[in-house]
C-alpha atoms as a PDB file:
ATOM      1  CA  MET A   1     110.213  91.828 114.294  1.00  0.00           C
ATOM      2  CA  VAL A   2     110.302  88.383 112.734  1.00  0.00           C
ATOM      3  CA  ALA A   3     113.697  86.703 112.843  1.00  0.00           C
ATOM      4  CA  PHE A   4     115.298  85.765 109.543  1.00  0.00           C
ATOM      5  CA  ILE A   5     115.403  82.096 110.534  1.00  0.00           C
ATOM      6  CA  ASP A   6     111.633  82.230 111.152  1.00  0.00           C
ATOM      7  CA  VAL A   7     111.151  83.495 107.591  1.00  0.00           C
ATOM      8  CA  LEU A   8     113.276  80.621 106.308  1.00  0.00           C
ATOM      9  CA  PHE A   9     111.239  78.199 108.429  1.00  0.00           C
ATOM     10  CA  TRP A  10     107.906  79.372 107.005  1.00  0.00           C
ATOM     11  CA  PHE A  11     109.177  79.685 103.442  1.00  0.00           C
ATOM     12  CA  SER A  12     110.531  76.128 103.477  1.00  0.00           C
ATOM     13  CA  SER A  13     107.529  74.639 105.274  1.00  0.00           C
ATOM     14  CA  ILE A  14     105.163  76.097 102.670  1.00  0.00           C
ATOM     15  CA  TYR A  15     107.475  75.556  99.692  1.00  0.00           C
ATOM     16  CA  ILE A  16     107.551  71.765 100.040  1.00  0.00           C
ATOM     17  CA  PHE A  17     103.797  71.251 100.129  1.00  0.00           C
ATOM     18  CA  PRO A  18     103.010  71.460  96.377  1.00  0.00           C
ATOM     19  CA  PHE A  19     105.697  68.869  95.630  1.00  0.00           C
ATOM     20  CA  TRP A  20     104.236  66.457  98.165  1.00  0.00           C
ATOM     21  CA  LEU A  21     100.715  67.082  96.870  1.00  0.00           C
ATOM     22  CA  MET A  22     101.807  66.285  93.337  1.00  0.00           C
ATOM     23  CA  MET A  23     103.627  63.093  94.346  1.00  0.00           C
ATOM     24  CA  TRP A  24     100.635  62.012  96.482  1.00  0.00           C
ATOM     25  CA  PHE A  25      97.755  62.759  94.145  1.00  0.00           C
ATOM     26  CA  ALA A  26      99.288  62.941  90.658  1.00  0.00           C
ATOM     27  CA  PRO A  27     102.260  60.587  90.868  1.00  0.00           C
ATOM     28  CA  THR A  28     102.330  59.755  87.149  1.00  0.00           C
ATOM     29  CA  HIS A  29     101.402  63.178  85.772  1.00  0.00           C
ATOM     30  CA  GLU A  30     103.913  64.738  83.369  1.00  0.00           C
ATOM     31  CA  ARG A  31     104.100  67.970  85.403  1.00  0.00           C
ATOM     32  CA  THR A  32     104.967  66.025  88.530  1.00  0.00           C
ATOM     33  CA  ALA A  33     107.728  64.230  86.632  1.00  0.00           C
ATOM     34  CA  ALA A  34     109.008  67.493  85.131  1.00  0.00           C
ATOM     35  CA  LEU A  35     109.224  69.243  88.506  1.00  0.00           C
ATOM     36  CA  MET A  36     110.636  66.303  90.408  1.00  0.00           C
ATOM     37  CA  ARG A  37     113.335  65.521  87.863  1.00  0.00           C
ATOM     38  CA  ASN A  38     114.836  68.992  88.330  1.00  0.00           C
ATOM     39  CA  GLU A  39     116.629  69.273  91.667  1.00  0.00           C
ATOM     40  CA  TRP A  40     117.123  72.992  91.008  1.00  0.00           C
ATOM     41  CA  VAL A  41     113.349  73.342  91.398  1.00  0.00           C
ATOM     42  CA  TYR A  42     112.469  71.001  94.247  1.00  0.00           C
ATOM     43  CA  LEU A  43     115.698  70.909  96.282  1.00  0.00           C
ATOM     44  CA  ALA A  44     117.927  73.928  95.629  1.00  0.00           C
ATOM     45  CA  PRO A  45     115.647  76.508  97.332  1.00  0.00           C
ATOM     46  CA  LEU A  46     115.493  74.304 100.433  1.00  0.00           C
ATOM     47  CA  ALA A  47     119.256  73.776 100.401  1.00  0.00           C
ATOM     48  CA  ALA A  48     119.741  77.538 100.021  1.00  0.00           C
ATOM     49  CA  ALA A  49     117.406  78.255 102.972  1.00  0.00           C
ATOM     50  CA  TYR A  50     119.267  75.699 105.071  1.00  0.00           C
ATOM     51  CA  THR A  51     122.625  77.187 104.068  1.00  0.00           C
ATOM     52  CA  LEU A  52     121.490  80.707 104.986  1.00  0.00           C
ATOM     53  CA  ALA A  53     120.355  79.435 108.384  1.00  0.00           C
ATOM     54  CA  VAL A  54     123.384  77.279 109.149  1.00  0.00           C
ATOM     55  CA  LEU A  55     126.217  79.581 108.020  1.00  0.00           C
ATOM     56  CA  PRO A  56     125.988  82.016 110.965  1.00  0.00           C
ATOM     57  CA  ASN A  57     126.036  79.010 113.337  1.00  0.00           C
ATOM     58  CA  LEU A  58     128.452  76.766 111.458  1.00  0.00           C
ATOM     59  CA  VAL A  59     131.538  77.427 113.592  1.00  0.00           C
ATOM     60  CA  ASP A  60     129.614  76.768 116.827  1.00  0.00           C
ATOM     61  CA  ILE A  61     128.115  73.562 115.416  1.00  0.00           C
ATOM     62  CA  LEU A  62     131.477  72.302 114.144  1.00  0.00           C
ATOM     63  CA  VAL A  63     133.261  73.145 117.410  1.00  0.00           C
ATOM     64  CA  LEU A  64     130.576  71.435 119.477  1.00  0.00           C
ATOM     65  CA  LEU A  65     130.473  68.312 117.302  1.00  0.00           C
ATOM     66  CA  GLY A  66     134.238  68.289 116.700  1.00  0.00           C
ATOM     67  CA  SER A  67     135.363  68.752 120.298  1.00  0.00           C
ATOM     68  CA  ASP A  68     134.092  65.402 121.567  1.00  0.00           C
ATOM     69  CA  MET A  69     132.616  62.241 120.199  1.00  0.00           C
ATOM     70  CA  PRO A  70     128.941  63.090 119.635  1.00  0.00           C
ATOM     71  CA  SER A  71     126.828  61.750 122.460  1.00  0.00           C
ATOM     72  CA  PRO A  72     123.154  62.026 123.372  1.00  0.00           C
ATOM     73  CA  ASP A  73     124.045  64.773 125.853  1.00  0.00           C
ATOM     74  CA  ILE A  74     125.907  66.808 123.207  1.00  0.00           C
ATOM     75  CA  VAL A  75     123.001  66.480 120.778  1.00  0.00           C
ATOM     76  CA  VAL A  76     120.493  67.518 123.465  1.00  0.00           C
ATOM     77  CA  GLU A  77     122.705  70.480 124.382  1.00  0.00           C
ATOM     78  CA  MET A  78     123.000  71.491 120.743  1.00  0.00           C
ATOM     79  CA  PHE A  79     119.243  71.217 120.145  1.00  0.00           C
ATOM     80  CA  SER A  80     118.406  73.205 123.269  1.00  0.00           C
ATOM     81  CA  GLU A  81     118.912  76.388 121.249  1.00  0.00           C
ATOM     82  CA  ARG A  82     115.990  77.695 119.198  1.00  0.00           C
ATOM     83  CA  GLU A  83     118.080  78.471 116.106  1.00  0.00           C
ATOM     84  CA  VAL A  84     119.558  74.983 116.024  1.00  0.00           C
ATOM     85  CA  ILE A  85     116.080  73.448 116.324  1.00  0.00           C
ATOM     86  CA  LEU A  86     114.935  75.524 113.340  1.00  0.00           C
ATOM     87  CA  ILE A  87     118.074  74.553 111.403  1.00  0.00           C
ATOM     88  CA  GLY A  88     117.251  70.926 112.197  1.00  0.00           C
ATOM     89  CA  TRP A  89     113.715  71.457 110.880  1.00  0.00           C
ATOM     90  CA  LEU A  90     115.068  72.874 107.615  1.00  0.00           C
ATOM     91  CA  HIS A  91     117.370  69.862 107.394  1.00  0.00           C
ATOM     92  CA  TYR A  92     114.394  67.515 107.862  1.00  0.00           C
ATOM     93  CA  LEU A  93     112.318  69.284 105.220  1.00  0.00           C
ATOM     94  CA  ALA A  94     115.046  69.148 102.586  1.00  0.00           C
ATOM     95  CA  PHE A  95     116.079  65.569 103.160  1.00  0.00           C
ATOM     96  CA  ASP A  96     112.554  64.241 103.685  1.00  0.00           C
ATOM     97  CA  LEU A  97     111.648  65.685 100.283  1.00  0.00           C
ATOM     98  CA  PHE A  98     114.837  64.288  98.751  1.00  0.00           C
ATOM     99  CA  VAL A  99     114.151  60.805 100.154  1.00  0.00           C
ATOM    100  CA  GLY A 100     110.456  61.132  99.288  1.00  0.00           C
ATOM    101  CA  ARG A 101     111.362  61.931  95.702  1.00  0.00           C
ATOM    102  CA  TRP A 102     113.617  58.873  95.533  1.00  0.00           C
ATOM    103  CA  THR A 103     110.813  56.715  96.941  1.00  0.00           C
ATOM    104  CA  TRP A 104     108.289  58.284  94.530  1.00  0.00           C
ATOM    105  CA  GLN A 105     110.592  57.469  91.587  1.00  0.00           C
ATOM    106  CA  ARG A 106     110.710  53.823  92.633  1.00  0.00           C
ATOM    107  CA  LEU A 107     106.942  53.689  93.118  1.00  0.00           C
ATOM    108  CA  VAL A 108     106.316  55.162  89.665  1.00  0.00           C
ATOM    109  CA  ALA A 109     108.963  52.981  88.008  1.00  0.00           C
ATOM    110  CA  THR A 110     107.333  49.842  89.400  1.00  0.00           C
ATOM    111  CA  GLY A 111     103.814  51.009  88.502  1.00  0.00           C
ATOM    112  CA  LYS A 112     102.452  50.997  92.041  1.00  0.00           C
ATOM    113  CA  PRO A 113      98.849  52.252  92.209  1.00  0.00           C
ATOM    114  CA  ILE A 114      97.972  55.383  94.144  1.00  0.00           C
ATOM    115  CA  TYR A 115      96.443  53.388  97.012  1.00  0.00           C
ATOM    116  CA  VAL A 116      99.962  52.006  97.594  1.00  0.00           C
ATOM    117  CA  SER A 117     102.012  55.075  96.720  1.00  0.00           C
ATOM    118  CA  PHE A 118      99.962  57.619  98.717  1.00  0.00           C
ATOM    119  CA  PRO A 119     100.401  56.079 102.189  1.00  0.00           C
ATOM    120  CA  VAL A 120     104.065  55.301 101.526  1.00  0.00           C
ATOM    121  CA  LEU A 121     104.736  58.894 100.454  1.00  0.00           C
ATOM    122  CA  LEU A 122     102.675  60.286 103.331  1.00  0.00           C
ATOM    123  CA  LEU A 123     104.899  58.346 105.712  1.00  0.00           C
ATOM    124  CA  SER A 124     107.911  59.594 103.760  1.00  0.00           C
ATOM    125  CA  MET A 125     106.868  63.159 104.473  1.00  0.00           C
ATOM    126  CA  PHE A 126     106.284  62.681 108.192  1.00  0.00           C
ATOM    127  CA  VAL A 127     108.777  59.935 109.072  1.00  0.00           C
ATOM    128  CA  ALA A 128     111.081  59.637 106.046  1.00  0.00           C
ATOM    129  CA  PRO A 129     113.203  56.654 107.105  1.00  0.00           C
ATOM    130  CA  LEU A 130     110.076  54.568 107.757  1.00  0.00           C
ATOM    131  CA  GLY A 131     108.483  55.698 104.483  1.00  0.00           C
ATOM    132  CA  ALA A 132     111.683  54.908 102.598  1.00  0.00           C
ATOM    133  CA  LEU A 133     111.912  51.471 104.188  1.00  0.00           C
ATOM    134  CA  ILE A 134     108.305  50.622 103.341  1.00  0.00           C
ATOM    135  CA  GLY A 135     108.868  52.062  99.861  1.00  0.00           C
ATOM    136  CA  MET A 136     111.887  49.783  99.447  1.00  0.00           C
ATOM    137  CA  VAL A 137     109.814  46.793 100.514  1.00  0.00           C
ATOM    138  CA  VAL A 138     106.912  47.498  98.141  1.00  0.00           C
ATOM    139  CA  THR A 139     109.303  48.237  95.256  1.00  0.00           C
ATOM    140  CA  ARG A 140     111.755  45.421  95.961  1.00  0.00           C
ATOM    141  CA  ASP A 141     111.360  44.287  92.344  1.00  0.00           C
ATOM    142  CA  HIS A 142     112.718  47.661  91.135  1.00  0.00           C
ATOM    143  CA  VAL A 143     115.845  47.431  89.019  1.00  0.00           C
ATOM    144  CA  GLU A 144     117.733  50.673  88.522  1.00  0.00           C
ATOM    145  CA  ALA A 145     119.244  51.353  85.151  1.00  0.00           C
ATOM    146  CA  THR A 146     123.004  51.487  85.473  1.00  0.00           C
ATOM    147  CA  THR A 147     125.614  52.442  83.003  1.00  0.00           C
ATOM    148  CA  GLN A 148     128.841  50.556  82.890  1.00  0.00           C
ATOM    149  CA  THR A 149     132.019  52.028  81.543  1.00  0.00           C
ATOM    150  CA  VAL A 150     134.964  49.909  80.672  1.00  0.00           C
END
């Protein structure tokens, strides 16, 4: 029988792919913008899958991380369990997509062509911090709209 966490793993791994495809190959298309502006569509299902996976293990994770200052040994011990590795994978999928979406928004806002945006977003999918950093560099002229209240 397939474990519930395995179902969450496969659901999430497959679920993210259309969003990445749209940001890679149709970054300025109206459907891409419509889907990626709604976090209930692109992020909530991943957050729900993560929550379902982490809740049964939450006390153990909090006790382990709360009992001592986190160290490399504690992290290795924690990630030596299959369920925690899968929870970590779900965490990566959700936050890589979240950071990728942020990077995509900056790329679109600054009018970067697909030959720039595609490799940056590909890196964002596989190694999100590096993709985000490169995205920040290539969109350094980006100015976010801010609202000021007095």
